[in-house]
């Protein structure tokens, strides 16, 4: 009985791991408005995969995932991302910028909220912070992200974003 239980757990964990593995869509078609809806779950999975995996591994897959994400974001009617220089202070770092864009897109898709600039920016920054913290040794220190991390640790990130949006 114990063996059957143990084997069942191993098989179940293997199924979960396999289900979580993201495959970048190939030959995707993003022409009509309806085309974008087809890939919404793929976008969420893509954002999760990019956040979970180190930026210096799976380079080709990461490049393909970022390309897919960017093409989808730029034409999607489901997501409206506004980059504001006073908030996105890390534009020179493509990994962090893509994490920001992905976090906002994922938030919009999961909540169906495309108009709340505060919540979109917050979701984007939280994902950017997550990716930065996991990859700081590869990316290098970024004083702009470090400021956001301090604000987040003090519970003041949302207040700071609201203040910057009001400028």
N, C-alpha and C. Protein backbone atom coordinates (compact mmCIF):
# COMPACT_ATOMS: atom_id res chain seq x y z
N UNK A 1 0.82 -1.19 0.00
CA UNK A 1 0.00 0.00 0.00
C UNK A 1 0.86 1.26 0.00
N UNK A 2 1.93 1.25 0.81
CA UNK A 2 2.81 2.41 0.86
C UNK A 2 3.48 2.65 -0.48
N UNK A 3 3.84 1.57 -1.18
CA UNK A 3 4.49 1.71 -2.49
C UNK A 3 3.54 2.35 -3.49
N UNK A 4 2.30 1.94 -3.50
CA UNK A 4 1.32 2.50 -4.43
C UNK A 4 1.13 3.98 -4.15
N UNK A 5 1.02 4.34 -2.88
CA UNK A 5 0.87 5.74 -2.50
C UNK A 5 2.08 6.55 -2.94
N UNK A 6 3.28 6.05 -2.70
CA UNK A 6 4.52 6.73 -3.07
C UNK A 6 4.61 6.92 -4.58
N UNK A 7 4.30 5.88 -5.33
CA UNK A 7 4.34 5.95 -6.80
C UNK A 7 3.30 6.95 -7.30
N UNK A 8 2.13 6.96 -6.69
CA UNK A 8 1.07 7.90 -7.08
C UNK A 8 1.52 9.34 -6.89
N UNK A 9 2.20 9.60 -5.79
CA UNK A 9 2.69 10.96 -5.52
C UNK A 9 3.73 11.35 -6.55
N UNK A 10 4.65 10.47 -6.86
CA UNK A 10 5.70 10.76 -7.86
C UNK A 10 5.07 11.05 -9.22
N UNK A 11 4.12 10.23 -9.63
CA UNK A 11 3.45 10.42 -10.92
C UNK A 11 2.70 11.75 -10.93
N UNK A 12 1.98 12.05 -9.86
CA UNK A 12 1.22 13.29 -9.77
C UNK A 12 2.15 14.50 -9.86
N UNK A 13 3.26 14.47 -9.16
CA UNK A 13 4.22 15.58 -9.22
C UNK A 13 4.78 15.73 -10.63
N UNK A 14 5.05 14.63 -11.30
CA UNK A 14 5.55 14.68 -12.67
C UNK A 14 4.54 15.30 -13.61
N UNK A 15 3.28 14.97 -13.42
CA UNK A 15 2.22 15.55 -14.25
C UNK A 15 2.13 17.06 -14.00
N UNK A 16 2.20 17.48 -12.75
CA UNK A 16 2.16 18.90 -12.44
C UNK A 16 3.33 19.64 -13.06
N UNK A 17 4.52 19.08 -12.97
CA UNK A 17 5.69 19.73 -13.55
C UNK A 17 5.57 19.82 -15.06
N UNK A 18 5.08 18.76 -15.69
CA UNK A 18 4.91 18.77 -17.14
C UNK A 18 3.88 19.81 -17.55
N UNK A 19 2.79 19.91 -16.78
CA UNK A 19 1.72 20.86 -17.11
C UNK A 19 2.20 22.31 -16.97
N UNK A 20 3.17 22.54 -16.09
CA UNK A 20 3.64 23.89 -15.88
C UNK A 20 4.68 24.32 -16.90
N UNK A 21 5.23 23.41 -17.67
CA UNK A 21 6.26 23.76 -18.65
C UNK A 21 5.62 24.54 -19.79
N UNK A 22 6.17 25.68 -20.06
CA UNK A 22 5.64 26.57 -21.09
C UNK A 22 6.33 26.32 -22.42
N UNK A 23 5.54 26.21 -23.46
CA UNK A 23 6.06 26.09 -24.81
C UNK A 23 5.68 27.36 -25.56
N UNK A 24 6.68 28.04 -26.09
CA UNK A 24 6.42 29.26 -26.85
C UNK A 24 5.65 28.88 -28.11
N UNK A 25 4.50 29.50 -28.34
CA UNK A 25 3.77 29.20 -29.58
C UNK A 25 4.63 29.51 -30.81
N UNK A 26 4.48 28.68 -31.80
CA UNK A 26 5.16 28.92 -33.07
C UNK A 26 4.10 29.13 -34.13
N UNK A 27 4.45 29.83 -35.16
CA UNK A 27 3.52 30.13 -36.25
C UNK A 27 2.23 30.78 -35.75
N UNK A 28 2.35 31.59 -34.71
CA UNK A 28 1.16 32.27 -34.20
C UNK A 28 0.75 33.36 -35.18
N UNK A 29 -0.55 33.63 -35.16
CA UNK A 29 -1.13 34.57 -36.11
C UNK A 29 -1.80 35.69 -35.32
N UNK A 30 -1.23 36.88 -35.39
CA UNK A 30 -1.78 38.03 -34.68
C UNK A 30 -2.14 39.12 -35.67
N UNK A 31 -3.29 38.92 -36.33
CA UNK A 31 -3.74 39.87 -37.35
C UNK A 31 -5.05 40.51 -36.94
N UNK A 32 -6.04 39.68 -36.69
CA UNK A 32 -7.37 40.17 -36.32
C UNK A 32 -7.49 40.26 -34.80
N UNK A 33 -8.45 41.05 -34.33
CA UNK A 33 -8.69 41.21 -32.90
C UNK A 33 -8.91 39.85 -32.24
N UNK A 34 -9.64 38.98 -32.91
CA UNK A 34 -9.95 37.67 -32.34
C UNK A 34 -8.69 36.81 -32.15
N UNK A 35 -7.67 37.05 -32.95
CA UNK A 35 -6.44 36.27 -32.85
C UNK A 35 -5.78 36.42 -31.48
N UNK A 36 -5.87 37.61 -30.91
CA UNK A 36 -5.19 37.88 -29.64
C UNK A 36 -5.80 37.11 -28.49
N UNK A 37 -7.12 36.98 -28.49
CA UNK A 37 -7.81 36.24 -27.42
C UNK A 37 -7.36 34.79 -27.37
N UNK A 38 -7.06 34.23 -28.51
CA UNK A 38 -6.62 32.84 -28.60
C UNK A 38 -5.37 32.58 -27.76
N UNK A 39 -4.54 33.58 -27.61
CA UNK A 39 -3.24 33.41 -26.95
C UNK A 39 -3.19 33.98 -25.53
N UNK A 40 -4.32 34.36 -24.97
CA UNK A 40 -4.30 34.98 -23.65
C UNK A 40 -3.70 34.07 -22.59
N UNK A 41 -4.09 32.81 -22.54
CA UNK A 41 -3.53 31.88 -21.55
C UNK A 41 -2.05 31.65 -21.83
N UNK A 42 -1.67 31.62 -23.10
CA UNK A 42 -0.25 31.48 -23.44
C UNK A 42 0.55 32.67 -22.93
N UNK A 43 -0.03 33.85 -22.96
CA UNK A 43 0.66 35.05 -22.47
C UNK A 43 0.86 34.94 -20.95
N UNK A 44 -0.16 34.54 -20.24
CA UNK A 44 -0.02 34.37 -18.78
C UNK A 44 1.06 33.33 -18.48
N UNK A 45 1.03 32.22 -19.20
CA UNK A 45 2.05 31.18 -19.00
C UNK A 45 3.44 31.69 -19.37
N UNK A 46 3.52 32.49 -20.40
CA UNK A 46 4.78 33.07 -20.85
C UNK A 46 5.36 33.98 -19.76
N UNK A 47 4.54 34.86 -19.22
CA UNK A 47 4.98 35.78 -18.17
C UNK A 47 5.46 34.99 -16.95
N UNK A 48 4.70 33.97 -16.58
CA UNK A 48 5.09 33.14 -15.44
C UNK A 48 6.43 32.44 -15.71
N UNK A 49 6.59 31.91 -16.91
CA UNK A 49 7.83 31.21 -17.26
C UNK A 49 9.01 32.17 -17.25
N UNK A 50 8.85 33.33 -17.84
CA UNK A 50 9.93 34.31 -17.86
C UNK A 50 10.33 34.74 -16.44
N UNK A 51 9.35 34.86 -15.55
CA UNK A 51 9.65 35.27 -14.17
C UNK A 51 10.31 34.14 -13.39
N UNK A 52 9.93 32.92 -13.70
CA UNK A 52 10.42 31.76 -12.93
C UNK A 52 11.84 31.36 -13.32
N UNK A 53 12.21 31.56 -14.56
CA UNK A 53 13.48 31.05 -15.07
C UNK A 53 14.56 32.12 -15.09
N UNK A 54 15.79 31.75 -14.74
CA UNK A 54 16.91 32.70 -14.74
C UNK A 54 17.14 33.30 -16.12
N UNK A 55 17.50 34.59 -16.15
CA UNK A 55 17.67 35.31 -17.41
C UNK A 55 18.87 34.82 -18.21
N UNK A 56 19.80 34.11 -17.58
CA UNK A 56 20.98 33.63 -18.29
C UNK A 56 20.89 32.16 -18.69
N UNK A 57 19.68 31.59 -18.62
CA UNK A 57 19.47 30.21 -19.04
C UNK A 57 18.38 30.15 -20.09
N UNK A 58 18.39 29.09 -20.88
CA UNK A 58 17.38 28.93 -21.95
C UNK A 58 17.29 30.19 -22.79
N UNK A 59 18.43 30.69 -23.22
CA UNK A 59 18.53 31.99 -23.91
C UNK A 59 17.64 32.05 -25.16
N UNK A 60 17.69 31.03 -25.99
CA UNK A 60 16.88 31.05 -27.23
C UNK A 60 15.39 31.01 -26.93
N UNK A 61 15.01 30.19 -25.97
CA UNK A 61 13.60 30.12 -25.60
C UNK A 61 13.15 31.44 -24.98
N UNK A 62 14.00 32.03 -24.16
CA UNK A 62 13.69 33.32 -23.54
C UNK A 62 13.52 34.39 -24.61
N UNK A 63 14.40 34.38 -25.61
CA UNK A 63 14.30 35.35 -26.70
C UNK A 63 12.99 35.17 -27.46
N UNK A 64 12.64 33.92 -27.75
CA UNK A 64 11.38 33.64 -28.46
C UNK A 64 10.17 34.03 -27.61
N UNK A 65 10.24 33.77 -26.30
CA UNK A 65 9.14 34.13 -25.40
C UNK A 65 8.97 35.64 -25.32
N UNK A 66 10.08 36.37 -25.22
CA UNK A 66 10.01 37.83 -25.17
C UNK A 66 9.46 38.41 -26.48
N UNK A 67 9.85 37.83 -27.60
CA UNK A 67 9.34 38.29 -28.90
C UNK A 67 7.84 38.06 -28.98
N UNK A 68 7.41 36.87 -28.61
CA UNK A 68 5.98 36.53 -28.60
C UNK A 68 5.21 37.49 -27.70
N UNK A 69 5.72 37.71 -26.49
CA UNK A 69 5.07 38.61 -25.54
C UNK A 69 4.98 40.02 -26.09
N UNK A 70 6.06 40.53 -26.64
CA UNK A 70 6.06 41.90 -27.16
C UNK A 70 5.12 42.06 -28.35
N UNK A 71 5.13 41.10 -29.27
CA UNK A 71 4.21 41.18 -30.42
C UNK A 71 2.76 41.16 -29.95
N UNK A 72 2.49 40.32 -28.97
CA UNK A 72 1.12 40.22 -28.47
C UNK A 72 0.70 41.52 -27.78
N UNK A 73 1.56 42.04 -26.91
CA UNK A 73 1.22 43.27 -26.17
C UNK A 73 0.99 44.44 -27.12
N UNK A 74 1.83 44.58 -28.12
CA UNK A 74 1.74 45.75 -29.00
C UNK A 74 0.46 45.79 -29.83
N UNK A 75 -0.18 44.66 -30.03
CA UNK A 75 -1.39 44.67 -30.84
C UNK A 75 -2.66 44.28 -30.11
N UNK A 76 -2.53 43.86 -28.87
CA UNK A 76 -3.67 43.33 -28.14
C UNK A 76 -4.69 44.40 -27.77
N UNK A 77 -5.96 44.11 -28.02
CA UNK A 77 -7.01 45.03 -27.57
C UNK A 77 -7.35 44.81 -26.09
N UNK A 78 -6.82 43.73 -25.50
CA UNK A 78 -7.13 43.38 -24.10
C UNK A 78 -6.21 44.05 -23.10
N UNK A 79 -5.15 44.68 -23.57
CA UNK A 79 -4.16 45.26 -22.67
C UNK A 79 -3.80 46.66 -23.17
N UNK A 80 -3.81 47.60 -22.26
CA UNK A 80 -3.42 48.97 -22.58
C UNK A 80 -2.34 49.39 -21.59
N UNK A 81 -1.09 49.30 -22.01
CA UNK A 81 0.03 49.64 -21.14
C UNK A 81 0.56 51.00 -21.52
N UNK A 82 0.67 51.85 -20.51
CA UNK A 82 1.23 53.18 -20.73
C UNK A 82 2.54 53.27 -19.96
N UNK A 83 3.64 53.40 -20.69
CA UNK A 83 4.95 53.53 -20.05
C UNK A 83 5.17 54.98 -19.68
N UNK A 84 5.36 55.23 -18.41
CA UNK A 84 5.60 56.59 -17.92
C UNK A 84 7.02 56.65 -17.37
N UNK A 85 7.77 57.58 -17.88
CA UNK A 85 9.18 57.72 -17.53
C UNK A 85 9.39 57.90 -16.03
N UNK A 86 8.47 58.54 -15.36
CA UNK A 86 8.62 58.75 -13.93
C UNK A 86 8.39 57.47 -13.12
N UNK A 87 7.87 56.44 -13.75
CA UNK A 87 7.66 55.14 -13.08
C UNK A 87 8.61 54.09 -13.64
N UNK A 88 8.67 53.97 -14.93
CA UNK A 88 9.54 52.96 -15.57
C UNK A 88 10.93 53.58 -15.71
N UNK A 89 11.66 53.58 -14.61
CA UNK A 89 12.97 54.22 -14.54
C UNK A 89 14.11 53.27 -14.90
N UNK A 90 13.76 52.13 -15.46
CA UNK A 90 14.74 51.08 -15.74
C UNK A 90 14.67 50.63 -17.20
N UNK A 91 14.36 51.54 -18.09
CA UNK A 91 14.18 51.20 -19.51
C UNK A 91 15.44 50.66 -20.16
N UNK A 92 16.59 50.95 -19.59
CA UNK A 92 17.84 50.48 -20.18
C UNK A 92 18.10 49.00 -19.91
N UNK A 93 17.29 48.39 -19.04
CA UNK A 93 17.46 46.98 -18.74
C UNK A 93 16.33 46.18 -19.38
N UNK A 94 16.59 45.51 -20.51
CA UNK A 94 15.51 44.83 -21.24
C UNK A 94 14.84 43.70 -20.46
N UNK A 95 15.58 42.99 -19.62
CA UNK A 95 14.96 41.90 -18.85
C UNK A 95 13.94 42.45 -17.85
N UNK A 96 14.31 43.54 -17.20
CA UNK A 96 13.41 44.14 -16.22
C UNK A 96 12.23 44.83 -16.91
N UNK A 97 12.50 45.48 -18.02
CA UNK A 97 11.43 46.13 -18.78
C UNK A 97 10.41 45.08 -19.25
N UNK A 98 10.88 43.98 -19.78
CA UNK A 98 9.96 42.92 -20.24
C UNK A 98 9.18 42.34 -19.06
N UNK A 99 9.83 42.23 -17.90
CA UNK A 99 9.13 41.74 -16.70
C UNK A 99 8.01 42.71 -16.31
N UNK A 100 8.30 44.00 -16.41
CA UNK A 100 7.29 45.02 -16.11
C UNK A 100 6.10 44.89 -17.08
N UNK A 101 6.39 44.85 -18.36
CA UNK A 101 5.34 44.73 -19.37
C UNK A 101 4.53 43.46 -19.16
N UNK A 102 5.23 42.37 -18.90
CA UNK A 102 4.56 41.09 -18.69
C UNK A 102 3.68 41.10 -17.45
N UNK A 103 4.17 41.69 -16.38
CA UNK A 103 3.38 41.76 -15.15
C UNK A 103 2.09 42.54 -15.35
N UNK A 104 2.20 43.66 -16.08
CA UNK A 104 1.00 44.46 -16.35
C UNK A 104 0.03 43.69 -17.25
N UNK A 105 0.55 43.06 -18.29
CA UNK A 105 -0.30 42.29 -19.20
C UNK A 105 -1.01 41.16 -18.46
N UNK A 106 -0.28 40.45 -17.64
CA UNK A 106 -0.86 39.34 -16.87
C UNK A 106 -1.96 39.86 -15.95
N UNK A 107 -1.70 40.97 -15.27
CA UNK A 107 -2.71 41.57 -14.40
C UNK A 107 -3.98 41.89 -15.20
N UNK A 108 -3.81 42.52 -16.34
CA UNK A 108 -4.97 42.91 -17.17
C UNK A 108 -5.77 41.70 -17.62
N UNK A 109 -5.08 40.64 -18.00
CA UNK A 109 -5.77 39.43 -18.46
C UNK A 109 -6.48 38.71 -17.32
N UNK A 110 -5.83 38.63 -16.18
CA UNK A 110 -6.43 37.89 -15.07
C UNK A 110 -7.59 38.64 -14.42
N UNK A 111 -7.54 39.97 -14.43
CA UNK A 111 -8.59 40.75 -13.77
C UNK A 111 -9.59 41.35 -14.75
N UNK A 112 -9.26 41.34 -16.03
CA UNK A 112 -10.07 42.00 -17.07
C UNK A 112 -10.14 43.51 -16.84
N UNK A 113 -9.16 44.03 -16.12
CA UNK A 113 -9.09 45.45 -15.83
C UNK A 113 -8.05 46.08 -16.75
N UNK A 114 -8.52 46.86 -17.72
CA UNK A 114 -7.59 47.49 -18.67
C UNK A 114 -7.45 48.98 -18.44
N UNK A 115 -8.15 49.52 -17.45
CA UNK A 115 -8.13 50.97 -17.30
C UNK A 115 -7.42 51.48 -16.04
N UNK A 116 -7.16 50.64 -15.08
CA UNK A 116 -6.57 51.10 -13.82
C UNK A 116 -5.05 51.20 -13.97
N UNK A 117 -4.58 52.41 -14.22
CA UNK A 117 -3.15 52.67 -14.40
C UNK A 117 -2.36 52.35 -13.13
N UNK A 118 -2.92 52.63 -11.98
CA UNK A 118 -2.24 52.37 -10.72
C UNK A 118 -2.00 50.87 -10.53
N UNK A 119 -3.05 50.09 -10.67
CA UNK A 119 -2.93 48.64 -10.47
C UNK A 119 -2.06 48.00 -11.55
N UNK A 120 -2.15 48.48 -12.78
CA UNK A 120 -1.31 47.96 -13.85
C UNK A 120 0.16 48.23 -13.60
N UNK A 121 0.47 49.46 -13.22
CA UNK A 121 1.86 49.80 -12.89
C UNK A 121 2.35 49.01 -11.69
N UNK A 122 1.51 48.85 -10.69
CA UNK A 122 1.89 48.10 -9.50
C UNK A 122 2.20 46.64 -9.85
N UNK A 123 1.34 46.02 -10.65
CA UNK A 123 1.58 44.64 -11.06
C UNK A 123 2.86 44.52 -11.89
N UNK A 124 3.07 45.49 -12.77
CA UNK A 124 4.29 45.49 -13.56
C UNK A 124 5.53 45.63 -12.70
N UNK A 125 5.50 46.56 -11.75
CA UNK A 125 6.66 46.76 -10.87
C UNK A 125 6.90 45.56 -9.97
N UNK A 126 5.84 44.96 -9.47
CA UNK A 126 6.02 43.79 -8.62
C UNK A 126 6.66 42.64 -9.38
N UNK A 127 6.27 42.46 -10.63
CA UNK A 127 6.90 41.42 -11.44
C UNK A 127 8.34 41.78 -11.78
N UNK A 128 8.59 43.06 -12.05
CA UNK A 128 9.96 43.51 -12.32
C UNK A 128 10.85 43.29 -11.10
N UNK A 129 10.34 43.58 -9.92
CA UNK A 129 11.09 43.35 -8.68
C UNK A 129 11.37 41.87 -8.48
N UNK A 130 10.38 41.04 -8.74
CA UNK A 130 10.54 39.59 -8.62
C UNK A 130 11.67 39.08 -9.52
N UNK A 131 11.64 39.49 -10.79
CA UNK A 131 12.67 39.06 -11.74
C UNK A 131 14.03 39.61 -11.35
N UNK A 132 14.06 40.85 -10.94
CA UNK A 132 15.32 41.48 -10.52
C UNK A 132 15.93 40.73 -9.33
N UNK A 133 15.12 40.47 -8.31
CA UNK A 133 15.63 39.78 -7.13
C UNK A 133 16.16 38.39 -7.45
N UNK A 134 15.51 37.69 -8.35
CA UNK A 134 15.96 36.34 -8.73
C UNK A 134 17.21 36.37 -9.59
N UNK A 135 17.49 37.50 -10.23
CA UNK A 135 18.58 37.56 -11.22
C UNK A 135 19.59 38.67 -10.95
N UNK A 136 19.59 39.21 -9.77
CA UNK A 136 20.46 40.34 -9.46
C UNK A 136 21.94 40.02 -9.73
N UNK A 137 22.35 38.79 -9.45
CA UNK A 137 23.74 38.42 -9.69
C UNK A 137 24.11 38.44 -11.17
N UNK A 138 23.14 38.25 -12.05
CA UNK A 138 23.39 38.28 -13.50
C UNK A 138 23.16 39.69 -14.05
N UNK A 139 22.08 40.30 -13.65
CA UNK A 139 21.68 41.62 -14.15
C UNK A 139 22.61 42.72 -13.63
N UNK A 140 23.02 42.58 -12.39
CA UNK A 140 23.78 43.63 -11.74
C UNK A 140 22.85 44.53 -10.96
N UNK A 141 23.41 45.31 -10.07
CA UNK A 141 22.62 46.18 -9.21
C UNK A 141 22.04 47.34 -10.03
N UNK A 142 20.77 47.62 -9.78
CA UNK A 142 20.08 48.72 -10.43
C UNK A 142 19.46 49.59 -9.34
N UNK A 143 19.98 50.80 -9.19
CA UNK A 143 19.54 51.68 -8.10
C UNK A 143 18.06 52.03 -8.20
N UNK A 144 17.53 52.08 -9.41
CA UNK A 144 16.11 52.41 -9.58
C UNK A 144 15.21 51.30 -9.04
N UNK A 145 15.55 50.07 -9.34
CA UNK A 145 14.77 48.93 -8.83
C UNK A 145 14.96 48.82 -7.32
N UNK A 146 16.17 49.06 -6.87
CA UNK A 146 16.45 48.99 -5.43
C UNK A 146 15.55 49.96 -4.66
N UNK A 147 15.30 51.14 -5.21
CA UNK A 147 14.39 52.11 -4.56
C UNK A 147 12.99 51.53 -4.46
N UNK A 148 12.54 50.87 -5.53
CA UNK A 148 11.21 50.26 -5.50
C UNK A 148 11.15 49.12 -4.49
N UNK A 149 12.22 48.37 -4.37
CA UNK A 149 12.26 47.26 -3.40
C UNK A 149 12.12 47.82 -1.98
N UNK A 150 12.81 48.91 -1.69
CA UNK A 150 12.70 49.54 -0.37
C UNK A 150 11.27 50.01 -0.10
N UNK A 151 10.67 50.65 -1.10
CA UNK A 151 9.29 51.10 -0.95
C UNK A 151 8.35 49.92 -0.72
N UNK A 152 8.56 48.85 -1.47
CA UNK A 152 7.73 47.66 -1.34
C UNK A 152 7.87 47.06 0.07
N UNK A 153 9.10 46.98 0.56
CA UNK A 153 9.33 46.39 1.89
C UNK A 153 8.68 47.22 3.00
N UNK A 154 8.52 48.52 2.77
CA UNK A 154 7.88 49.41 3.74
C UNK A 154 6.37 49.51 3.53
N UNK A 155 5.86 48.82 2.50
CA UNK A 155 4.43 48.88 2.20
C UNK A 155 4.01 50.20 1.58
N UNK A 156 4.95 50.89 0.93
CA UNK A 156 4.66 52.22 0.37
C UNK A 156 4.76 52.27 -1.16
N UNK A 157 4.89 51.12 -1.80
CA UNK A 157 5.06 51.12 -3.25
C UNK A 157 3.83 51.67 -3.97
N UNK A 158 2.66 51.22 -3.59
CA UNK A 158 1.43 51.67 -4.25
C UNK A 158 1.23 53.18 -4.06
N UNK A 159 1.51 53.68 -2.87
CA UNK A 159 1.38 55.12 -2.60
C UNK A 159 2.33 55.93 -3.47
N UNK A 160 3.55 55.44 -3.63
CA UNK A 160 4.55 56.13 -4.45
C UNK A 160 4.14 56.14 -5.92
N UNK A 161 3.60 55.03 -6.39
CA UNK A 161 3.14 54.98 -7.79
C UNK A 161 1.99 55.96 -8.00
N UNK A 162 1.06 55.99 -7.06
CA UNK A 162 -0.08 56.93 -7.16
C UNK A 162 0.42 58.36 -7.21
N UNK A 163 1.41 58.66 -6.41
CA UNK A 163 1.96 60.02 -6.38
C UNK A 163 2.62 60.35 -7.73
N UNK A 164 3.36 59.41 -8.28
CA UNK A 164 4.01 59.65 -9.56
C UNK A 164 3.03 59.75 -10.71
N UNK A 165 1.94 59.01 -10.64
CA UNK A 165 0.90 59.08 -11.67
C UNK A 165 0.18 60.43 -11.63
N UNK A 166 0.11 61.03 -10.47
CA UNK A 166 -0.59 62.31 -10.31
C UNK A 166 0.24 63.49 -10.81
N UNK A 167 1.52 63.29 -11.07
CA UNK A 167 2.39 64.38 -11.51
C UNK A 167 2.04 64.83 -12.91
